[in-house]
Each structure stands twice: as C-alpha cells, then as structure tokens.
N, C-alpha and C. Protein backbone atom coordinates (compact mmCIF):
# COMPACT_ATOMS: atom_id res chain seq x y z
N MET A 1 9.97 29.95 2.96
CA MET A 1 10.15 28.75 2.19
C MET A 1 11.53 28.80 1.54
N GLN A 2 12.27 27.71 1.67
CA GLN A 2 13.61 27.62 1.12
C GLN A 2 13.55 27.09 -0.32
N LEU A 3 14.20 27.79 -1.25
CA LEU A 3 14.27 27.34 -2.63
C LEU A 3 15.47 26.41 -2.78
N ILE A 4 15.24 25.24 -3.37
CA ILE A 4 16.28 24.23 -3.53
C ILE A 4 16.62 24.09 -5.02
N PRO A 5 17.82 24.54 -5.44
CA PRO A 5 18.20 24.39 -6.84
C PRO A 5 18.87 23.04 -7.14
N GLY A 6 19.29 22.32 -6.09
CA GLY A 6 19.96 21.04 -6.25
C GLY A 6 20.50 20.58 -4.92
N PRO A 7 21.19 19.45 -4.88
CA PRO A 7 21.74 18.97 -3.62
C PRO A 7 22.90 19.85 -3.15
N VAL A 8 23.12 19.85 -1.84
CA VAL A 8 24.25 20.58 -1.27
C VAL A 8 25.51 19.77 -1.59
N ALA A 9 26.48 20.42 -2.21
CA ALA A 9 27.70 19.71 -2.64
C ALA A 9 28.59 19.33 -1.46
N SER A 10 28.71 20.22 -0.49
CA SER A 10 29.58 19.96 0.66
C SER A 10 28.80 20.32 1.92
N PHE A 11 28.71 19.37 2.84
CA PHE A 11 27.96 19.59 4.06
C PHE A 11 28.64 18.91 5.23
N ASP A 12 28.22 19.28 6.43
CA ASP A 12 28.78 18.71 7.66
C ASP A 12 27.94 17.50 8.06
N ALA A 13 28.45 16.31 7.79
CA ALA A 13 27.71 15.07 8.05
C ALA A 13 27.51 14.82 9.54
N SER A 14 28.23 15.54 10.39
CA SER A 14 28.06 15.33 11.84
C SER A 14 26.84 16.07 12.38
N ARG A 15 26.27 16.97 11.59
CA ARG A 15 25.07 17.68 12.04
C ARG A 15 23.88 16.73 12.01
N PRO A 16 22.95 16.89 12.94
CA PRO A 16 21.75 16.04 12.92
C PRO A 16 20.99 16.21 11.61
N ALA A 17 20.47 15.11 11.11
CA ALA A 17 19.72 15.12 9.86
C ALA A 17 18.23 15.24 10.16
N VAL A 18 17.56 16.10 9.42
CA VAL A 18 16.10 16.26 9.51
C VAL A 18 15.51 15.74 8.21
N VAL A 19 14.51 14.87 8.33
CA VAL A 19 13.90 14.23 7.15
C VAL A 19 13.01 15.20 6.38
N VAL A 20 13.18 15.17 5.07
CA VAL A 20 12.25 15.81 4.14
C VAL A 20 11.71 14.65 3.30
N ALA A 21 10.51 14.18 3.66
CA ALA A 21 9.94 12.99 3.02
C ALA A 21 9.18 13.36 1.76
N LEU A 22 9.43 12.58 0.70
CA LEU A 22 8.75 12.77 -0.58
C LEU A 22 8.23 11.44 -1.09
N ALA A 23 7.09 11.49 -1.77
CA ALA A 23 6.57 10.31 -2.45
C ALA A 23 7.47 9.99 -3.64
N ARG A 24 7.46 8.74 -4.07
CA ARG A 24 8.30 8.28 -5.18
C ARG A 24 8.09 9.14 -6.43
N ARG A 25 6.87 9.42 -6.75
CA ARG A 25 6.58 10.19 -7.98
C ARG A 25 7.07 11.63 -7.87
N ASP A 26 6.99 12.23 -6.68
CA ASP A 26 7.51 13.59 -6.50
C ASP A 26 9.03 13.59 -6.59
N LEU A 27 9.66 12.58 -6.01
CA LEU A 27 11.12 12.50 -6.02
C LEU A 27 11.65 12.35 -7.44
N ALA A 28 10.85 11.83 -8.34
CA ALA A 28 11.28 11.63 -9.73
C ALA A 28 11.15 12.90 -10.58
N THR A 29 10.62 13.99 -10.01
CA THR A 29 10.44 15.22 -10.76
C THR A 29 11.47 16.26 -10.34
N THR A 30 11.54 17.35 -11.07
CA THR A 30 12.50 18.42 -10.75
C THR A 30 11.86 19.56 -9.97
N THR A 31 10.55 19.57 -9.87
CA THR A 31 9.86 20.61 -9.11
C THR A 31 8.89 19.97 -8.13
N TRP A 32 8.99 20.35 -6.87
CA TRP A 32 8.10 19.84 -5.85
C TRP A 32 8.12 20.78 -4.65
N ARG A 33 7.15 20.61 -3.77
CA ARG A 33 7.09 21.32 -2.50
C ARG A 33 7.00 20.27 -1.40
N ALA A 34 7.65 20.53 -0.28
CA ALA A 34 7.63 19.59 0.83
C ALA A 34 7.87 20.33 2.13
N VAL A 35 7.46 19.70 3.22
CA VAL A 35 7.69 20.24 4.55
C VAL A 35 8.50 19.21 5.33
N ALA A 36 9.60 19.66 5.92
CA ALA A 36 10.48 18.77 6.69
C ALA A 36 9.81 18.37 8.00
N ALA A 37 10.38 17.38 8.65
CA ALA A 37 9.85 16.88 9.92
C ALA A 37 9.79 17.97 10.99
N ASP A 38 10.63 18.99 10.87
CA ASP A 38 10.61 20.08 11.86
C ASP A 38 9.73 21.26 11.44
N GLY A 39 9.03 21.13 10.30
CA GLY A 39 8.12 22.17 9.84
C GLY A 39 8.71 23.14 8.83
N THR A 40 9.98 23.03 8.51
CA THR A 40 10.60 23.90 7.52
C THR A 40 10.07 23.56 6.12
N ALA A 41 9.65 24.58 5.38
CA ALA A 41 9.06 24.38 4.05
C ALA A 41 10.13 24.54 2.97
N PHE A 42 10.02 23.70 1.93
CA PHE A 42 10.95 23.73 0.82
C PHE A 42 10.20 23.72 -0.50
N ARG A 43 10.81 24.35 -1.51
CA ARG A 43 10.34 24.28 -2.89
C ARG A 43 11.55 23.97 -3.74
N CYS A 44 11.44 22.96 -4.56
CA CYS A 44 12.55 22.54 -5.40
C CYS A 44 12.33 23.00 -6.83
N ALA A 45 13.39 23.51 -7.43
CA ALA A 45 13.42 23.88 -8.84
C ALA A 45 14.79 23.48 -9.37
N ALA A 46 15.02 22.18 -9.44
CA ALA A 46 16.32 21.64 -9.84
C ALA A 46 16.36 21.38 -11.35
N THR A 47 17.55 21.22 -11.89
CA THR A 47 17.69 20.92 -13.31
C THR A 47 17.54 19.43 -13.59
N SER A 48 17.73 18.59 -12.55
CA SER A 48 17.53 17.15 -12.68
C SER A 48 16.97 16.64 -11.35
N PRO A 49 16.28 15.50 -11.38
CA PRO A 49 15.69 14.99 -10.13
C PRO A 49 16.75 14.72 -9.06
N LEU A 50 16.38 14.98 -7.82
CA LEU A 50 17.24 14.69 -6.69
C LEU A 50 16.99 13.25 -6.25
N ARG A 51 17.84 12.74 -5.34
CA ARG A 51 17.72 11.35 -4.91
C ARG A 51 17.52 11.26 -3.41
N ALA A 52 16.89 10.18 -2.99
CA ALA A 52 16.79 9.90 -1.56
C ALA A 52 18.21 9.85 -1.00
N GLY A 53 18.41 10.49 0.13
CA GLY A 53 19.73 10.54 0.75
C GLY A 53 20.47 11.84 0.47
N ASP A 54 20.01 12.63 -0.51
CA ASP A 54 20.65 13.91 -0.81
C ASP A 54 20.40 14.90 0.32
N THR A 55 21.44 15.62 0.70
CA THR A 55 21.28 16.75 1.61
C THR A 55 20.90 17.94 0.74
N ILE A 56 19.78 18.60 1.09
CA ILE A 56 19.28 19.68 0.24
C ILE A 56 19.43 21.07 0.86
N PHE A 57 19.71 21.12 2.17
CA PHE A 57 19.82 22.41 2.85
C PHE A 57 20.55 22.16 4.16
N GLU A 58 21.25 23.19 4.62
CA GLU A 58 22.00 23.05 5.87
C GLU A 58 21.93 24.35 6.65
N THR A 59 21.77 24.21 7.96
CA THR A 59 21.83 25.35 8.87
C THR A 59 22.98 25.10 9.83
N ALA A 60 23.18 26.02 10.76
CA ALA A 60 24.26 25.85 11.74
C ALA A 60 23.99 24.66 12.67
N SER A 61 22.71 24.25 12.79
CA SER A 61 22.39 23.19 13.74
C SER A 61 21.87 21.90 13.11
N ALA A 62 21.58 21.89 11.81
CA ALA A 62 21.01 20.68 11.19
C ALA A 62 21.24 20.69 9.69
N ARG A 63 21.08 19.50 9.11
CA ARG A 63 21.07 19.37 7.65
C ARG A 63 19.78 18.65 7.28
N TYR A 64 19.23 18.98 6.12
CA TYR A 64 17.95 18.46 5.68
C TYR A 64 18.19 17.44 4.57
N VAL A 65 17.67 16.23 4.78
CA VAL A 65 17.96 15.10 3.91
C VAL A 65 16.68 14.54 3.31
N LEU A 66 16.70 14.32 1.99
CA LEU A 66 15.55 13.74 1.30
C LEU A 66 15.42 12.26 1.66
N CYS A 67 14.19 11.83 1.83
CA CYS A 67 13.89 10.44 2.14
C CYS A 67 12.65 10.04 1.35
N GLN A 68 12.70 8.93 0.67
CA GLN A 68 11.53 8.45 -0.08
C GLN A 68 10.55 7.80 0.89
N GLN A 69 9.28 8.17 0.77
CA GLN A 69 8.24 7.61 1.62
C GLN A 69 7.92 6.17 1.20
N GLU A 70 7.51 5.38 2.19
CA GLU A 70 7.02 4.05 1.89
C GLU A 70 5.66 4.18 1.21
N GLU A 71 5.27 3.15 0.47
CA GLU A 71 3.98 3.15 -0.21
C GLU A 71 3.42 1.73 -0.20
N PRO A 72 2.13 1.58 -0.44
CA PRO A 72 1.54 0.23 -0.50
C PRO A 72 2.14 -0.56 -1.67
N VAL A 73 2.53 -1.79 -1.40
CA VAL A 73 3.12 -2.66 -2.42
C VAL A 73 2.50 -4.06 -2.33
N VAL A 74 2.66 -4.82 -3.40
CA VAL A 74 2.39 -6.26 -3.35
C VAL A 74 3.75 -6.95 -3.36
N GLU A 75 3.83 -8.02 -2.60
CA GLU A 75 5.08 -8.76 -2.46
C GLU A 75 4.86 -10.20 -2.93
N VAL A 76 5.76 -10.67 -3.78
CA VAL A 76 5.74 -12.06 -4.22
C VAL A 76 6.99 -12.71 -3.63
N PRO A 77 6.82 -13.62 -2.66
CA PRO A 77 7.98 -14.29 -2.09
C PRO A 77 8.71 -15.11 -3.15
N LEU A 78 10.02 -15.08 -3.12
CA LEU A 78 10.79 -15.82 -4.12
C LEU A 78 11.11 -17.24 -3.65
N ASP A 79 10.06 -17.92 -3.20
CA ASP A 79 10.22 -19.33 -2.88
C ASP A 79 9.66 -20.18 -4.02
N LEU A 80 9.56 -19.57 -5.23
CA LEU A 80 9.11 -20.27 -6.42
C LEU A 80 10.31 -20.85 -7.16
N ALA A 81 10.03 -21.71 -8.09
CA ALA A 81 11.09 -22.23 -8.96
C ALA A 81 11.68 -21.07 -9.76
N PRO A 82 12.98 -21.10 -10.05
CA PRO A 82 13.58 -20.01 -10.83
C PRO A 82 12.86 -19.74 -12.15
N SER A 83 12.39 -20.79 -12.82
CA SER A 83 11.69 -20.57 -14.09
C SER A 83 10.36 -19.85 -13.85
N ALA A 84 9.69 -20.11 -12.74
CA ALA A 84 8.44 -19.41 -12.43
C ALA A 84 8.71 -17.94 -12.11
N ALA A 85 9.77 -17.67 -11.36
CA ALA A 85 10.13 -16.28 -11.05
C ALA A 85 10.48 -15.53 -12.33
N ALA A 86 11.20 -16.20 -13.23
CA ALA A 86 11.53 -15.56 -14.52
C ALA A 86 10.25 -15.29 -15.31
N GLY A 87 9.30 -16.20 -15.27
CA GLY A 87 8.03 -16.00 -15.97
C GLY A 87 7.24 -14.83 -15.40
N VAL A 88 7.26 -14.67 -14.08
CA VAL A 88 6.59 -13.52 -13.46
C VAL A 88 7.26 -12.23 -13.91
N GLY A 89 8.58 -12.21 -13.90
CA GLY A 89 9.30 -11.02 -14.36
C GLY A 89 8.99 -10.70 -15.81
N TRP A 90 8.95 -11.73 -16.65
CA TRP A 90 8.61 -11.51 -18.07
C TRP A 90 7.20 -10.94 -18.19
N ALA A 91 6.24 -11.48 -17.42
CA ALA A 91 4.86 -11.02 -17.51
C ALA A 91 4.75 -9.55 -17.10
N PHE A 92 5.48 -9.14 -16.07
CA PHE A 92 5.48 -7.73 -15.67
C PHE A 92 6.02 -6.86 -16.80
N GLY A 93 7.13 -7.28 -17.38
CA GLY A 93 7.71 -6.51 -18.48
C GLY A 93 6.80 -6.45 -19.69
N ASN A 94 6.15 -7.57 -19.99
CA ASN A 94 5.24 -7.62 -21.13
C ASN A 94 4.06 -6.67 -20.95
N GLU A 95 3.64 -6.46 -19.71
CA GLU A 95 2.54 -5.54 -19.41
C GLU A 95 3.03 -4.12 -19.10
N HIS A 96 4.35 -3.91 -19.18
CA HIS A 96 4.96 -2.61 -18.88
C HIS A 96 4.64 -2.15 -17.46
N LEU A 97 4.67 -3.09 -16.51
CA LEU A 97 4.42 -2.78 -15.10
C LEU A 97 5.75 -2.68 -14.37
N PRO A 98 5.90 -1.74 -13.46
CA PRO A 98 7.15 -1.59 -12.73
C PRO A 98 7.35 -2.73 -11.73
N LEU A 99 8.59 -3.10 -11.53
CA LEU A 99 8.93 -4.22 -10.65
C LEU A 99 10.28 -3.96 -10.01
N CYS A 100 10.45 -4.46 -8.80
CA CYS A 100 11.73 -4.42 -8.09
C CYS A 100 12.01 -5.82 -7.60
N ALA A 101 13.21 -6.32 -7.80
CA ALA A 101 13.57 -7.66 -7.35
C ALA A 101 14.60 -7.56 -6.24
N GLU A 102 14.30 -8.22 -5.14
CA GLU A 102 15.21 -8.32 -4.00
C GLU A 102 15.56 -9.80 -3.84
N PRO A 103 16.54 -10.13 -3.02
CA PRO A 103 16.93 -11.53 -2.90
C PRO A 103 15.82 -12.48 -2.45
N THR A 104 14.85 -11.99 -1.67
CA THR A 104 13.82 -12.88 -1.16
C THR A 104 12.42 -12.59 -1.66
N ARG A 105 12.25 -11.52 -2.46
CA ARG A 105 10.91 -11.16 -2.92
C ARG A 105 10.97 -10.25 -4.15
N LEU A 106 9.85 -10.26 -4.87
CA LEU A 106 9.60 -9.27 -5.92
C LEU A 106 8.58 -8.31 -5.33
N ILE A 107 8.73 -7.01 -5.58
CA ILE A 107 7.73 -6.06 -5.12
C ILE A 107 7.31 -5.15 -6.27
N ALA A 108 6.05 -4.74 -6.21
CA ALA A 108 5.47 -3.85 -7.21
C ALA A 108 4.45 -2.97 -6.50
N PRO A 109 4.11 -1.83 -7.08
CA PRO A 109 3.10 -0.97 -6.45
C PRO A 109 1.77 -1.72 -6.33
N ASP A 110 1.05 -1.47 -5.25
CA ASP A 110 -0.24 -2.11 -5.05
C ASP A 110 -1.28 -1.38 -5.89
N GLU A 111 -1.39 -1.81 -7.15
CA GLU A 111 -2.31 -1.21 -8.11
C GLU A 111 -3.18 -2.32 -8.68
N PRO A 112 -4.39 -1.98 -9.13
CA PRO A 112 -5.28 -3.01 -9.67
C PRO A 112 -4.66 -3.85 -10.79
N ALA A 113 -3.92 -3.23 -11.69
CA ALA A 113 -3.32 -3.99 -12.81
C ALA A 113 -2.33 -5.03 -12.31
N VAL A 114 -1.58 -4.70 -11.26
CA VAL A 114 -0.60 -5.64 -10.70
C VAL A 114 -1.34 -6.82 -10.05
N ARG A 115 -2.36 -6.52 -9.26
CA ARG A 115 -3.13 -7.60 -8.62
C ARG A 115 -3.79 -8.50 -9.67
N GLN A 116 -4.36 -7.88 -10.71
CA GLN A 116 -5.03 -8.66 -11.75
C GLN A 116 -4.05 -9.58 -12.46
N LEU A 117 -2.85 -9.09 -12.75
CA LEU A 117 -1.84 -9.91 -13.41
C LEU A 117 -1.47 -11.10 -12.53
N LEU A 118 -1.18 -10.85 -11.26
CA LEU A 118 -0.78 -11.94 -10.36
C LEU A 118 -1.90 -12.96 -10.16
N GLU A 119 -3.13 -12.47 -10.07
CA GLU A 119 -4.25 -13.40 -9.93
C GLU A 119 -4.45 -14.22 -11.21
N ARG A 120 -4.30 -13.59 -12.37
CA ARG A 120 -4.43 -14.30 -13.64
C ARG A 120 -3.35 -15.38 -13.77
N LEU A 121 -2.14 -15.08 -13.28
CA LEU A 121 -1.04 -16.04 -13.33
C LEU A 121 -1.10 -17.06 -12.19
N ARG A 122 -2.02 -16.84 -11.24
CA ARG A 122 -2.16 -17.69 -10.04
C ARG A 122 -0.87 -17.70 -9.22
N VAL A 123 -0.28 -16.51 -9.08
CA VAL A 123 0.93 -16.35 -8.29
C VAL A 123 0.53 -15.83 -6.91
N PRO A 124 0.90 -16.54 -5.85
CA PRO A 124 0.55 -16.07 -4.51
C PRO A 124 1.32 -14.78 -4.17
N TYR A 125 0.63 -13.87 -3.52
CA TYR A 125 1.24 -12.60 -3.11
C TYR A 125 0.57 -12.12 -1.84
N HIS A 126 1.19 -11.16 -1.20
CA HIS A 126 0.56 -10.49 -0.08
C HIS A 126 0.91 -9.00 -0.17
N THR A 127 0.17 -8.21 0.58
CA THR A 127 0.37 -6.77 0.52
C THR A 127 1.23 -6.32 1.69
N GLY A 128 1.84 -5.18 1.53
CA GLY A 128 2.67 -4.60 2.57
C GLY A 128 2.96 -3.14 2.25
N VAL A 129 3.89 -2.60 2.98
CA VAL A 129 4.31 -1.22 2.78
C VAL A 129 5.83 -1.23 2.71
N ALA A 130 6.39 -0.57 1.70
CA ALA A 130 7.85 -0.54 1.53
C ALA A 130 8.24 0.64 0.66
N VAL A 131 9.52 0.98 0.70
CA VAL A 131 10.06 1.95 -0.24
C VAL A 131 10.21 1.19 -1.56
N PHE A 132 9.53 1.67 -2.59
CA PHE A 132 9.57 0.99 -3.88
C PHE A 132 10.47 1.75 -4.83
N ARG A 133 11.47 1.06 -5.36
CA ARG A 133 12.39 1.65 -6.32
C ARG A 133 12.31 0.82 -7.60
N PRO A 134 11.50 1.27 -8.57
CA PRO A 134 11.30 0.47 -9.78
C PRO A 134 12.60 0.24 -10.53
N GLY A 135 12.70 -0.97 -11.08
CA GLY A 135 13.87 -1.30 -11.89
C GLY A 135 15.10 -1.65 -11.09
N ARG A 136 15.02 -1.69 -9.77
CA ARG A 136 16.18 -2.08 -8.97
C ARG A 136 16.17 -3.59 -8.83
N PHE A 137 17.26 -4.21 -9.21
CA PHE A 137 17.37 -5.65 -9.16
C PHE A 137 18.60 -6.03 -8.37
N SER A 138 18.38 -6.62 -7.22
CA SER A 138 19.46 -7.01 -6.32
C SER A 138 20.08 -8.30 -6.79
N ARG A 139 21.37 -8.39 -6.62
CA ARG A 139 22.09 -9.63 -6.94
C ARG A 139 22.75 -10.11 -5.65
N GLY A 140 22.76 -11.40 -5.48
CA GLY A 140 23.38 -11.94 -4.28
C GLY A 140 22.37 -12.11 -3.16
N GLY A 141 22.89 -12.33 -1.95
CA GLY A 141 22.02 -12.68 -0.83
C GLY A 141 21.72 -11.57 0.13
N THR A 142 21.96 -10.32 -0.23
CA THR A 142 21.68 -9.23 0.71
C THR A 142 20.63 -8.29 0.14
N GLN A 143 19.96 -7.57 1.03
CA GLN A 143 18.97 -6.59 0.62
C GLN A 143 19.70 -5.38 0.04
N PRO A 144 19.04 -4.62 -0.86
CA PRO A 144 19.65 -3.38 -1.34
C PRO A 144 19.88 -2.44 -0.16
N THR A 145 20.95 -1.68 -0.22
CA THR A 145 21.24 -0.77 0.88
C THR A 145 20.23 0.34 0.94
N ALA A 146 19.77 0.62 2.16
CA ALA A 146 18.79 1.68 2.39
C ALA A 146 19.52 2.92 2.88
N PRO A 147 18.94 4.09 2.66
CA PRO A 147 19.59 5.28 3.19
C PRO A 147 19.63 5.24 4.71
N ALA A 148 20.61 5.90 5.29
CA ALA A 148 20.75 5.92 6.74
C ALA A 148 19.51 6.52 7.37
N THR A 149 19.15 6.00 8.54
CA THR A 149 18.01 6.53 9.27
C THR A 149 18.35 7.92 9.78
N VAL A 150 17.40 8.82 9.62
CA VAL A 150 17.62 10.20 10.05
C VAL A 150 16.51 10.63 10.97
N ALA A 151 16.76 11.66 11.76
CA ALA A 151 15.81 12.13 12.76
C ALA A 151 14.49 12.51 12.11
N GLY A 152 13.40 12.25 12.81
CA GLY A 152 12.09 12.64 12.35
C GLY A 152 11.40 11.61 11.49
N LYS A 153 11.99 10.47 11.28
CA LYS A 153 11.34 9.45 10.44
C LYS A 153 10.70 8.40 11.30
C-alpha cells in the first residue's frame, strides 16, 4: 500500500494516467484509503484535502490521478423564470442544503430533504448521476470544466 502525504509536485504528464476514484465525502477529508483502477492500493495522510485531478503517485510507466466519483443527484432544469430560480436557490440556502448551479441546471444530492423541498415548492425535477461539487456556481453559457478523462474510468 502506497502512503500519500500530498499531491506530487512535479510529474511527467505524458505518462498514462490511472484513475484513483473517490467519493465526494472521502475527497473532502485528509485521510482515506482507495484502490486504483489497476489494483494499486493507496492510503492518504495529507495535511489538507486533495482535489480531483491531483496526481498522487508516479511510477516509471504511469501516474495515478484522483477522480471524484459520480453520485445520484436531482436536477432542476433552468428553464424557469429568473425570479423562480433565485427563489429555489434561496430555499436551498435557507434549509442549509448543498447546491451547484450550472448554466442549464441546478443540481443537488439525491437525498430525501432535497426531494421534499422541491416537492413542497412544486418545482419540477428529475434524477440523474453526476459529479456533484457543492457551492460551484457557473457563470456564462458553458459548463464548468471537468478534469481530463484518464485511463480506467
């Protein structure tokens, strides 16, 4: 098992990347265990949380890159009036529920409290699977940039 004290500061980006997938909640902590797509085991004991896209280990033939796993989410299409979208955002904040805003949709974790809030507000939604990054608010007409696709994902 490889001990990870933090991200690799200098690495060879031309080496093939092997995914080390972590759940959002694990990625937010400083200690975790994970197994890469090729079976290599890792244990992290960092001083601060690492981020998706960080290279955490390198060999002569590959580099190991953190990737946040997708999770069940609810999606609210942003085809509502701006005042209605603002009201939905306010309601999430008032309930202290996490939210992510993209140019075409709002997304939140698929949890009972989120569904209950949207149903109480009579806001149409549907479920899906996505990488959820709470508190990320996109501006403009493009999606937030995603980490580069790496082998094993």
